[in-house]
Amino acid sequence: MRIALLWFVLAFGGGLFVHMLLALRNFHARNTVLTHPRAAAEYGWATVPWLIIALVVAPAVQRIFAAG
């Protein structure tokens, strides 16, 4: 049960991350006048919180798989 819930949460979080990046890409594609030359920096800063979450969650995921 825990592993199924874990996979669901990971899939949901991955879907949110992909949706966020696609929304950012679509925004920049539509608003070419408003974009600044460092649009790549926005993509980088959009991924930083997800990397932090992944690093924090990794030990918990390892413990769940070890106990399962």
N, C-alpha and C. Protein backbone atom coordinates (compact mmCIF):
# COMPACT_ATOMS: atom_id res chain seq x y z
N MET A 1 0.82 -1.18 0.00
CA MET A 1 0.00 0.00 0.00
C MET A 1 0.87 1.26 0.00
N ARG A 2 1.90 1.25 0.84
CA ARG A 2 2.77 2.43 0.90
C ARG A 2 3.48 2.66 -0.42
N ILE A 3 3.90 1.60 -1.06
CA ILE A 3 4.64 1.74 -2.32
C ILE A 3 3.72 2.25 -3.41
N ALA A 4 2.49 1.77 -3.45
CA ALA A 4 1.52 2.26 -4.44
C ALA A 4 1.25 3.74 -4.23
N LEU A 5 1.09 4.15 -2.99
CA LEU A 5 0.88 5.56 -2.68
C LEU A 5 2.11 6.39 -3.05
N LEU A 6 3.29 5.86 -2.79
CA LEU A 6 4.51 6.55 -3.15
C LEU A 6 4.59 6.77 -4.66
N TRP A 7 4.30 5.74 -5.46
CA TRP A 7 4.34 5.87 -6.91
C TRP A 7 3.31 6.88 -7.39
N PHE A 8 2.13 6.89 -6.76
CA PHE A 8 1.11 7.87 -7.14
C PHE A 8 1.60 9.29 -6.87
N VAL A 9 2.16 9.51 -5.70
CA VAL A 9 2.63 10.85 -5.34
C VAL A 9 3.78 11.27 -6.25
N LEU A 10 4.69 10.36 -6.55
CA LEU A 10 5.80 10.69 -7.44
C LEU A 10 5.31 11.00 -8.86
N ALA A 11 4.35 10.25 -9.34
CA ALA A 11 3.80 10.51 -10.67
C ALA A 11 3.06 11.85 -10.70
N PHE A 12 2.32 12.14 -9.66
CA PHE A 12 1.60 13.40 -9.57
C PHE A 12 2.57 14.57 -9.53
N GLY A 13 3.61 14.47 -8.72
CA GLY A 13 4.62 15.53 -8.65
C GLY A 13 5.36 15.70 -9.96
N GLY A 14 5.68 14.60 -10.63
CA GLY A 14 6.33 14.69 -11.93
C GLY A 14 5.44 15.36 -12.96
N GLY A 15 4.16 15.03 -12.92
CA GLY A 15 3.21 15.68 -13.83
C GLY A 15 3.11 17.17 -13.58
N LEU A 16 3.10 17.57 -12.31
CA LEU A 16 3.07 18.99 -12.00
C LEU A 16 4.33 19.70 -12.49
N PHE A 17 5.46 19.06 -12.34
CA PHE A 17 6.72 19.66 -12.79
C PHE A 17 6.72 19.84 -14.30
N VAL A 18 6.29 18.83 -15.03
CA VAL A 18 6.24 18.92 -16.49
C VAL A 18 5.25 20.01 -16.91
N HIS A 19 4.11 20.07 -16.25
CA HIS A 19 3.12 21.09 -16.56
C HIS A 19 3.68 22.49 -16.32
N MET A 20 4.41 22.67 -15.23
CA MET A 20 4.99 23.97 -14.91
C MET A 20 5.98 24.39 -16.00
N LEU A 21 6.84 23.48 -16.43
CA LEU A 21 7.82 23.83 -17.46
C LEU A 21 7.15 24.10 -18.80
N LEU A 22 6.12 23.35 -19.14
CA LEU A 22 5.41 23.59 -20.39
C LEU A 22 4.67 24.93 -20.35
N ALA A 23 4.10 25.29 -19.22
CA ALA A 23 3.44 26.58 -19.09
C ALA A 23 4.45 27.72 -19.23
N LEU A 24 5.62 27.56 -18.66
CA LEU A 24 6.67 28.57 -18.79
C LEU A 24 7.11 28.70 -20.24
N ARG A 25 7.26 27.56 -20.93
CA ARG A 25 7.66 27.59 -22.34
C ARG A 25 6.59 28.24 -23.21
N ASN A 26 5.32 27.90 -22.95
CA ASN A 26 4.24 28.50 -23.73
C ASN A 26 4.12 30.00 -23.48
N PHE A 27 4.37 30.42 -22.26
CA PHE A 27 4.33 31.84 -21.95
C PHE A 27 5.39 32.58 -22.76
N HIS A 28 6.60 32.04 -22.79
CA HIS A 28 7.66 32.70 -23.52
C HIS A 28 7.44 32.63 -25.03
N ALA A 29 6.78 31.59 -25.51
CA ALA A 29 6.50 31.48 -26.94
C ALA A 29 5.45 32.51 -27.37
N ARG A 30 4.48 32.79 -26.51
CA ARG A 30 3.43 33.75 -26.85
C ARG A 30 3.87 35.19 -26.67
N ASN A 31 4.67 35.46 -25.65
CA ASN A 31 5.04 36.84 -25.31
C ASN A 31 6.51 37.09 -25.67
N THR A 32 6.79 37.15 -26.95
CA THR A 32 8.18 37.35 -27.36
C THR A 32 8.67 38.75 -27.03
N VAL A 33 7.78 39.71 -26.93
CA VAL A 33 8.18 41.08 -26.62
C VAL A 33 8.58 41.19 -25.15
N LEU A 34 7.89 40.45 -24.28
CA LEU A 34 8.13 40.57 -22.84
C LEU A 34 9.30 39.73 -22.34
N THR A 35 9.78 38.80 -23.15
CA THR A 35 10.83 37.93 -22.65
C THR A 35 12.15 38.68 -22.59
N HIS A 36 12.94 38.34 -21.67
CA HIS A 36 14.25 38.94 -21.51
C HIS A 36 15.30 37.96 -22.03
N PRO A 37 16.51 38.43 -22.22
CA PRO A 37 17.53 37.54 -22.81
C PRO A 37 17.91 36.36 -21.92
N ARG A 38 17.53 36.39 -20.68
CA ARG A 38 17.90 35.30 -19.77
C ARG A 38 16.70 34.43 -19.42
N ALA A 39 15.93 34.05 -20.43
CA ALA A 39 14.78 33.18 -20.19
C ALA A 39 15.24 31.82 -19.68
N ALA A 40 16.44 31.40 -20.07
CA ALA A 40 16.97 30.12 -19.58
C ALA A 40 17.16 30.17 -18.06
N ALA A 41 17.44 31.34 -17.51
CA ALA A 41 17.58 31.47 -16.06
C ALA A 41 16.25 31.17 -15.37
N GLU A 42 15.15 31.54 -16.00
CA GLU A 42 13.84 31.24 -15.41
C GLU A 42 13.61 29.73 -15.35
N TYR A 43 14.02 29.02 -16.39
CA TYR A 43 13.88 27.56 -16.38
C TYR A 43 14.74 26.96 -15.27
N GLY A 44 15.93 27.50 -15.10
CA GLY A 44 16.80 27.01 -14.03
C GLY A 44 16.21 27.25 -12.65
N TRP A 45 15.70 28.47 -12.43
CA TRP A 45 15.12 28.77 -11.13
C TRP A 45 13.80 28.05 -10.91
N ALA A 46 13.15 27.63 -11.99
CA ALA A 46 11.93 26.85 -11.83
C ALA A 46 12.24 25.42 -11.40
N THR A 47 13.43 24.93 -11.73
CA THR A 47 13.79 23.56 -11.36
C THR A 47 14.45 23.46 -9.99
N VAL A 48 14.98 24.56 -9.47
CA VAL A 48 15.68 24.52 -8.19
C VAL A 48 14.79 24.02 -7.04
N PRO A 49 13.56 24.52 -6.88
CA PRO A 49 12.73 23.98 -5.78
C PRO A 49 12.46 22.48 -5.91
N TRP A 50 12.29 22.00 -7.13
CA TRP A 50 12.04 20.58 -7.34
C TRP A 50 13.27 19.75 -7.01
N LEU A 51 14.44 20.28 -7.29
CA LEU A 51 15.67 19.56 -6.92
C LEU A 51 15.82 19.49 -5.40
N ILE A 52 15.49 20.59 -4.73
CA ILE A 52 15.55 20.60 -3.27
C ILE A 52 14.58 19.57 -2.69
N ILE A 53 13.37 19.55 -3.22
CA ILE A 53 12.38 18.58 -2.74
C ILE A 53 12.87 17.15 -2.99
N ALA A 54 13.45 16.91 -4.16
CA ALA A 54 13.94 15.56 -4.48
C ALA A 54 15.04 15.14 -3.51
N LEU A 55 15.94 16.06 -3.17
CA LEU A 55 17.01 15.73 -2.24
C LEU A 55 16.49 15.47 -0.83
N VAL A 56 15.45 16.16 -0.44
CA VAL A 56 14.89 15.97 0.89
C VAL A 56 14.08 14.67 0.96
N VAL A 57 13.39 14.34 -0.11
CA VAL A 57 12.50 13.18 -0.12
C VAL A 57 13.26 11.87 -0.37
N ALA A 58 14.42 11.93 -0.99
CA ALA A 58 15.17 10.73 -1.35
C ALA A 58 15.41 9.78 -0.17
N PRO A 59 15.85 10.25 0.99
CA PRO A 59 16.04 9.31 2.11
C PRO A 59 14.74 8.64 2.55
N ALA A 60 13.64 9.37 2.52
CA ALA A 60 12.36 8.78 2.91
C ALA A 60 11.94 7.70 1.92
N VAL A 61 12.16 7.95 0.65
CA VAL A 61 11.81 6.96 -0.37
C VAL A 61 12.66 5.70 -0.18
N GLN A 62 13.93 5.87 0.11
CA GLN A 62 14.79 4.71 0.35
C GLN A 62 14.30 3.91 1.54
N ARG A 63 13.86 4.58 2.58
CA ARG A 63 13.36 3.87 3.77
C ARG A 63 12.06 3.13 3.46
N ILE A 64 11.22 3.72 2.63
CA ILE A 64 9.95 3.06 2.28
C ILE A 64 10.25 1.79 1.47
N PHE A 65 11.16 1.89 0.51
CA PHE A 65 11.49 0.71 -0.29
C PHE A 65 12.19 -0.36 0.56
N ALA A 66 12.98 0.06 1.53
CA ALA A 66 13.66 -0.91 2.39
C ALA A 66 12.65 -1.63 3.31
N ALA A 67 11.62 -0.90 3.74
CA ALA A 67 10.63 -1.50 4.64
C ALA A 67 9.58 -2.30 3.88
N GLY A 68 9.41 -2.00 2.56
CA GLY A 68 8.34 -2.64 1.79
C GLY A 68 8.68 -4.00 1.38
